[in-house]
Amino acid sequence: MKSISAKYFCKILERNGWNLDRVQSSHFIYEKTGYCSVSVPVHGNKDLPIGTLKALMRAAGLTEADLD
């Protein structure tokens, strides 16, 4: 799995029906009906660590194919 930036991951979430609920410091909180909220740590243009990315994808119900 390739690493991607948090900003790009936020765009992927929005493309898949997630809505930005609020921003708390450097964390963007997204919500979608039927799912728990997802907190994405956005620190500039840094890439997300692979473990964090996998955990966020699992919580959001996304697959590796959704990253393209």
PDB file of N, CA and C in Angstrom:
ATOM      1  N   MET A   1       0.851  -1.176   0.000  1.00  0.00           N
ATOM      2  CA  MET A   1       0.000   0.000   0.000  1.00  0.00           C
ATOM      3  C   MET A   1       0.896   1.238   0.000  1.00  0.00           C
ATOM      4  N   LYS A   2       0.543   2.199  -0.815  1.00  0.00           N
ATOM      5  CA  LYS A   2       1.311   3.434  -0.868  1.00  0.00           C
ATOM      6  C   LYS A   2       0.799   4.421   0.174  1.00  0.00           C
ATOM      7  N   SER A   3       1.679   5.271   0.639  1.00  0.00           N
ATOM      8  CA  SER A   3       1.306   6.290   1.602  1.00  0.00           C
ATOM      9  C   SER A   3       0.785   7.512   0.852  1.00  0.00           C
ATOM     10  N   ILE A   4      -0.223   8.164   1.412  1.00  0.00           N
ATOM     11  CA  ILE A   4      -0.791   9.367   0.793  1.00  0.00           C
ATOM     12  C   ILE A   4      -0.866  10.466   1.838  1.00  0.00           C
ATOM     13  N   SER A   5      -1.035  11.687   1.396  1.00  0.00           N
ATOM     14  CA  SER A   5      -1.136  12.807   2.334  1.00  0.00           C
ATOM     15  C   SER A   5      -2.527  12.823   2.968  1.00  0.00           C
ATOM     16  N   ALA A   6      -2.609  13.447   4.118  1.00  0.00           N
ATOM     17  CA  ALA A   6      -3.886  13.538   4.825  1.00  0.00           C
ATOM     18  C   ALA A   6      -4.883  14.396   4.045  1.00  0.00           C
ATOM     19  N   LYS A   7      -4.390  15.435   3.375  1.00  0.00           N
ATOM     20  CA  LYS A   7      -5.280  16.292   2.580  1.00  0.00           C
ATOM     21  C   LYS A   7      -5.923  15.500   1.443  1.00  0.00           C
ATOM     22  N   TYR A   8      -5.120  14.638   0.796  1.00  0.00           N
ATOM     23  CA  TYR A   8      -5.658  13.813  -0.277  1.00  0.00           C
ATOM     24  C   TYR A   8      -6.663  12.796   0.274  1.00  0.00           C
ATOM     25  N   PHE A   9      -6.387  12.248   1.458  1.00  0.00           N
ATOM     26  CA  PHE A   9      -7.317  11.302   2.073  1.00  0.00           C
ATOM     27  C   PHE A   9      -8.646  11.987   2.401  1.00  0.00           C
ATOM     28  N   CYS A  10      -8.594  13.235   2.814  1.00  0.00           N
ATOM     29  CA  CYS A  10      -9.825  13.987   3.079  1.00  0.00           C
ATOM     30  C   CYS A  10     -10.655  14.129   1.806  1.00  0.00           C
ATOM     31  N   LYS A  11      -9.998  14.362   0.674  1.00  0.00           N
ATOM     32  CA  LYS A  11     -10.712  14.455  -0.601  1.00  0.00           C
ATOM     33  C   LYS A  11     -11.357  13.124  -0.965  1.00  0.00           C
ATOM     34  N   ILE A  12     -10.656  12.021  -0.666  1.00  0.00           N
ATOM     35  CA  ILE A  12     -11.217  10.696  -0.933  1.00  0.00           C
ATOM     36  C   ILE A  12     -12.452  10.457  -0.069  1.00  0.00           C
ATOM     37  N   LEU A  13     -12.396  10.848   1.195  1.00  0.00           N
ATOM     38  CA  LEU A  13     -13.555  10.701   2.075  1.00  0.00           C
ATOM     39  C   LEU A  13     -14.745  11.487   1.536  1.00  0.00           C
ATOM     40  N   GLU A  14     -14.512  12.729   1.138  1.00  0.00           N
ATOM     41  CA  GLU A  14     -15.599  13.568   0.625  1.00  0.00           C
ATOM     42  C   GLU A  14     -16.177  12.996  -0.661  1.00  0.00           C
ATOM     43  N   ARG A  15     -15.321  12.408  -1.495  1.00  0.00           N
ATOM     44  CA  ARG A  15     -15.778  11.785  -2.739  1.00  0.00           C
ATOM     45  C   ARG A  15     -16.656  10.564  -2.455  1.00  0.00           C
ATOM     46  N   ASN A  16     -16.468   9.939  -1.287  1.00  0.00           N
ATOM     47  CA  ASN A  16     -17.237   8.751  -0.917  1.00  0.00           C
ATOM     48  C   ASN A  16     -18.392   9.059   0.032  1.00  0.00           C
ATOM     49  N   GLY A  17     -18.826  10.306   0.089  1.00  0.00           N
ATOM     50  CA  GLY A  17     -20.033  10.654   0.823  1.00  0.00           C
ATOM     51  C   GLY A  17     -19.837  11.101   2.257  1.00  0.00           C
ATOM     52  N   TRP A  18     -18.606  11.277   2.710  1.00  0.00           N
ATOM     53  CA  TRP A  18     -18.345  11.752   4.065  1.00  0.00           C
ATOM     54  C   TRP A  18     -18.423  13.265   4.081  1.00  0.00           C
ATOM     55  N   ASN A  19     -18.916  13.825   5.190  1.00  0.00           N
ATOM     56  CA  ASN A  19     -19.054  15.275   5.328  1.00  0.00           C
ATOM     57  C   ASN A  19     -18.170  15.776   6.457  1.00  0.00           C
ATOM     58  N   LEU A  20     -17.478  16.893   6.226  1.00  0.00           N
ATOM     59  CA  LEU A  20     -16.659  17.506   7.257  1.00  0.00           C
ATOM     60  C   LEU A  20     -17.585  18.087   8.314  1.00  0.00           C
ATOM     61  N   ASP A  21     -17.475  17.565   9.530  1.00  0.00           N
ATOM     62  CA  ASP A  21     -18.336  18.022  10.624  1.00  0.00           C
ATOM     63  C   ASP A  21     -17.709  19.196  11.359  1.00  0.00           C
ATOM     64  N   ARG A  22     -16.421  19.053  11.708  1.00  0.00           N
ATOM     65  CA  ARG A  22     -15.745  20.123  12.431  1.00  0.00           C
ATOM     66  C   ARG A  22     -14.235  19.925  12.317  1.00  0.00           C
ATOM     67  N   VAL A  23     -13.511  20.967  12.719  1.00  0.00           N
ATOM     68  CA  VAL A  23     -12.055  20.908  12.767  1.00  0.00           C
ATOM     69  C   VAL A  23     -11.645  21.243  14.187  1.00  0.00           C
ATOM     70  N   GLN A  24     -10.896  20.351  14.807  1.00  0.00           N
ATOM     71  CA  GLN A  24     -10.381  20.594  16.150  1.00  0.00           C
ATOM     72  C   GLN A  24      -8.862  20.555  16.069  1.00  0.00           C
ATOM     73  N   SER A  25      -8.261  21.715  16.135  1.00  0.00           N
ATOM     74  CA  SER A  25      -6.818  21.865  16.021  1.00  0.00           C
ATOM     75  C   SER A  25      -6.380  21.355  14.651  1.00  0.00           C
ATOM     76  N   SER A  26      -5.597  20.290  14.590  1.00  0.00           N
ATOM     77  CA  SER A  26      -5.132  19.791  13.297  1.00  0.00           C
ATOM     78  C   SER A  26      -5.867  18.526  12.876  1.00  0.00           C
ATOM     79  N   HIS A  27      -6.988  18.232  13.512  1.00  0.00           N
ATOM     80  CA  HIS A  27      -7.756  17.032  13.179  1.00  0.00           C
ATOM     81  C   HIS A  27      -9.078  17.405  12.521  1.00  0.00           C
ATOM     82  N   PHE A  28      -9.312  16.837  11.355  1.00  0.00           N
ATOM     83  CA  PHE A  28     -10.552  17.055  10.618  1.00  0.00           C
ATOM     84  C   PHE A  28     -11.476  15.897  10.944  1.00  0.00           C
ATOM     85  N   ILE A  29     -12.660  16.203  11.487  1.00  0.00           N
ATOM     86  CA  ILE A  29     -13.620  15.193  11.906  1.00  0.00           C
ATOM     87  C   ILE A  29     -14.693  15.054  10.828  1.00  0.00           C
ATOM     88  N   TYR A  30     -14.788  13.852  10.246  1.00  0.00           N
ATOM     89  CA  TYR A  30     -15.767  13.575   9.195  1.00  0.00           C
ATOM     90  C   TYR A  30     -16.844  12.651   9.734  1.00  0.00           C
ATOM     91  N   GLU A  31     -18.075  12.836   9.256  1.00  0.00           N
ATOM     92  CA  GLU A  31     -19.197  11.999   9.667  1.00  0.00           C
ATOM     93  C   GLU A  31     -19.976  11.531   8.450  1.00  0.00           C
ATOM     94  N   LYS A  32     -20.581  10.359   8.604  1.00  0.00           N
ATOM     95  CA  LYS A  32     -21.441   9.786   7.570  1.00  0.00           C
ATOM     96  C   LYS A  32     -22.486   8.949   8.275  1.00  0.00           C
ATOM     97  N   THR A  33     -23.714   9.018   7.816  1.00  0.00           N
ATOM     98  CA  THR A  33     -24.797   8.262   8.420  1.00  0.00           C
ATOM     99  C   THR A  33     -24.489   6.769   8.366  1.00  0.00           C
ATOM    100  N   GLY A  34     -24.634   6.100   9.503  1.00  0.00           N
ATOM    101  CA  GLY A  34     -24.397   4.665   9.568  1.00  0.00           C
ATOM    102  C   GLY A  34     -22.983   4.279   9.954  1.00  0.00           C
ATOM    103  N   TYR A  35     -22.102   5.259  10.131  1.00  0.00           N
ATOM    104  CA  TYR A  35     -20.706   5.003  10.499  1.00  0.00           C
ATOM    105  C   TYR A  35     -20.344   5.827  11.722  1.00  0.00           C
ATOM    106  N   CYS A  36     -19.291   5.434  12.409  1.00  0.00           N
ATOM    107  CA  CYS A  36     -18.716   6.269  13.459  1.00  0.00           C
ATOM    108  C   CYS A  36     -17.975   7.415  12.790  1.00  0.00           C
ATOM    109  N   SER A  37     -17.703   8.467  13.534  1.00  0.00           N
ATOM    110  CA  SER A  37     -16.964   9.572  12.947  1.00  0.00           C
ATOM    111  C   SER A  37     -15.501   9.162  12.756  1.00  0.00           C
ATOM    112  N   VAL A  38     -14.838   9.817  11.796  1.00  0.00           N
ATOM    113  CA  VAL A  38     -13.448   9.537  11.467  1.00  0.00           C
ATOM    114  C   VAL A  38     -12.656  10.823  11.670  1.00  0.00           C
ATOM    115  N   SER A  39     -11.588  10.733  12.458  1.00  0.00           N
ATOM    116  CA  SER A  39     -10.733  11.882  12.739  1.00  0.00           C
ATOM    117  C   SER A  39      -9.430  11.752  11.963  1.00  0.00           C
ATOM    118  N   VAL A  40      -9.202  12.657  11.020  1.00  0.00           N
ATOM    119  CA  VAL A  40      -8.019  12.611  10.161  1.00  0.00           C
ATOM    120  C   VAL A  40      -7.015  13.657  10.649  1.00  0.00           C
ATOM    121  N   PRO A  41      -5.802  13.230  11.055  1.00  0.00           N
ATOM    122  CA  PRO A  41      -4.783  14.192  11.493  1.00  0.00           C
ATOM    123  C   PRO A  41      -4.114  14.853  10.285  1.00  0.00           C
ATOM    124  N   VAL A  42      -4.384  16.132  10.071  1.00  0.00           N
ATOM    125  CA  VAL A  42      -3.828  16.859   8.930  1.00  0.00           C
ATOM    126  C   VAL A  42      -2.693  17.740   9.437  1.00  0.00           C
ATOM    127  N   HIS A  43      -1.465  17.335   9.140  1.00  0.00           N
ATOM    128  CA  HIS A  43      -0.280  18.083   9.568  1.00  0.00           C
ATOM    129  C   HIS A  43       0.468  18.551   8.324  1.00  0.00           C
ATOM    130  N   GLY A  44       0.025  19.661   7.787  1.00  0.00           N
ATOM    131  CA  GLY A  44       0.650  20.193   6.577  1.00  0.00           C
ATOM    132  C   GLY A  44       0.399  19.270   5.401  1.00  0.00           C
ATOM    133  N   ASN A  45       1.452  18.993   4.661  1.00  0.00           N
ATOM    134  CA  ASN A  45       1.324  18.122   3.493  1.00  0.00           C
ATOM    135  C   ASN A  45       2.041  16.799   3.728  1.00  0.00           C
ATOM    136  N   LYS A  46       2.209  16.414   5.011  1.00  0.00           N
ATOM    137  CA  LYS A  46       2.897  15.174   5.344  1.00  0.00           C
ATOM    138  C   LYS A  46       2.025  13.972   5.008  1.00  0.00           C
ATOM    139  N   ASP A  47       2.692  12.879   4.655  1.00  0.00           N
ATOM    140  CA  ASP A  47       1.981  11.632   4.390  1.00  0.00           C
ATOM    141  C   ASP A  47       1.539  10.989   5.703  1.00  0.00           C
ATOM    142  N   LEU A  48       0.396  10.297   5.640  1.00  0.00           N
ATOM    143  CA  LEU A  48      -0.081   9.548   6.795  1.00  0.00           C
ATOM    144  C   LEU A  48       0.765   8.289   6.964  1.00  0.00           C
ATOM    145  N   PRO A  49       1.107   7.915   8.198  1.00  0.00           N
ATOM    146  CA  PRO A  49       1.776   6.627   8.397  1.00  0.00           C
ATOM    147  C   PRO A  49       0.871   5.488   7.915  1.00  0.00           C
ATOM    148  N   ILE A  50       1.462   4.412   7.419  1.00  0.00           N
ATOM    149  CA  ILE A  50       0.688   3.312   6.840  1.00  0.00           C
ATOM    150  C   ILE A  50      -0.319   2.745   7.829  1.00  0.00           C
ATOM    151  N   GLY A  51       0.078   2.550   9.088  1.00  0.00           N
ATOM    152  CA  GLY A  51      -0.832   2.004  10.095  1.00  0.00           C
ATOM    153  C   GLY A  51      -2.020   2.910  10.348  1.00  0.00           C
ATOM    154  N   THR A  52      -1.772   4.201  10.396  1.00  0.00           N
ATOM    155  CA  THR A  52      -2.853   5.174  10.585  1.00  0.00           C
ATOM    156  C   THR A  52      -3.792   5.168   9.392  1.00  0.00           C
ATOM    157  N   LEU A  53      -3.216   5.117   8.206  1.00  0.00           N
ATOM    158  CA  LEU A  53      -4.017   5.090   6.984  1.00  0.00           C
ATOM    159  C   LEU A  53      -4.915   3.854   6.953  1.00  0.00           C
ATOM    160  N   LYS A  54      -4.362   2.691   7.291  1.00  0.00           N
ATOM    161  CA  LYS A  54      -5.152   1.459   7.296  1.00  0.00           C
ATOM    162  C   LYS A  54      -6.282   1.524   8.320  1.00  0.00           C
ATOM    163  N   ALA A  55      -6.003   2.083   9.493  1.00  0.00           N
ATOM    164  CA  ALA A  55      -7.029   2.200  10.536  1.00  0.00           C
ATOM    165  C   ALA A  55      -8.144   3.149  10.092  1.00  0.00           C
ATOM    166  N   LEU A  56      -7.781   4.263   9.466  1.00  0.00           N
ATOM    167  CA  LEU A  56      -8.784   5.215   8.983  1.00  0.00           C
ATOM    168  C   LEU A  56      -9.632   4.596   7.874  1.00  0.00           C
ATOM    169  N   MET A  57      -8.976   3.848   6.986  1.00  0.00           N
ATOM    170  CA  MET A  57      -9.720   3.211   5.894  1.00  0.00           C
ATOM    171  C   MET A  57     -10.694   2.167   6.440  1.00  0.00           C
ATOM    172  N   ARG A  58     -10.272   1.404   7.434  1.00  0.00           N
ATOM    173  CA  ARG A  58     -11.141   0.398   8.037  1.00  0.00           C
ATOM    174  C   ARG A  58     -12.352   1.061   8.699  1.00  0.00           C
ATOM    175  N   ALA A  59     -12.102   2.162   9.421  1.00  0.00           N
ATOM    176  CA  ALA A  59     -13.191   2.873  10.106  1.00  0.00           C
ATOM    177  C   ALA A  59     -14.160   3.500   9.106  1.00  0.00           C
ATOM    178  N   ALA A  60     -13.646   3.938   7.944  1.00  0.00           N
ATOM    179  CA  ALA A  60     -14.483   4.592   6.938  1.00  0.00           C
ATOM    180  C   ALA A  60     -15.108   3.605   5.961  1.00  0.00           C
ATOM    181  N   GLY A  61     -14.735   2.333   6.054  1.00  0.00           N
ATOM    182  CA  GLY A  61     -15.292   1.336   5.138  1.00  0.00           C
ATOM    183  C   GLY A  61     -14.743   1.452   3.728  1.00  0.00           C
ATOM    184  N   LEU A  62     -13.498   1.892   3.592  1.00  0.00           N
ATOM    185  CA  LEU A  62     -12.871   2.054   2.290  1.00  0.00           C
ATOM    186  C   LEU A  62     -11.915   0.905   2.017  1.00  0.00           C
ATOM    187  N   THR A  63     -11.660   0.658   0.726  1.00  0.00           N
ATOM    188  CA  THR A  63     -10.688  -0.353   0.324  1.00  0.00           C
ATOM    189  C   THR A  63      -9.508   0.326  -0.356  1.00  0.00           C
ATOM    190  N   GLU A  64      -8.493  -0.454  -0.635  1.00  0.00           N
ATOM    191  CA  GLU A  64      -7.310   0.091  -1.298  1.00  0.00           C
ATOM    192  C   GLU A  64      -7.645   0.592  -2.695  1.00  0.00           C
ATOM    193  N   ALA A  65      -8.652   0.023  -3.327  1.00  0.00           N
ATOM    194  CA  ALA A  65      -9.079   0.463  -4.658  1.00  0.00           C
ATOM    195  C   ALA A  65      -9.681   1.868  -4.622  1.00  0.00           C
ATOM    196  N   ASP A  66     -10.218   2.290  -3.473  1.00  0.00           N
ATOM    197  CA  ASP A  66     -10.802   3.623  -3.345  1.00  0.00           C
ATOM    198  C   ASP A  66      -9.753   4.723  -3.328  1.00  0.00           C
ATOM    199  N   LEU A  67      -8.482   4.367  -3.121  1.00  0.00           N
ATOM    200  CA  LEU A  67      -7.424   5.373  -3.046  1.00  0.00           C
ATOM    201  C   LEU A  67      -7.044   5.913  -4.418  1.00  0.00           C
ATOM    202  N   ASP A  68      -7.448   5.272  -5.476  1.00  0.00           N
ATOM    203  CA  ASP A  68      -7.092   5.734  -6.829  1.00  0.00           C
ATOM    204  C   ASP A  68      -8.043   6.751  -7.366  1.00  0.00           C
TER     205      ASP A  68
END
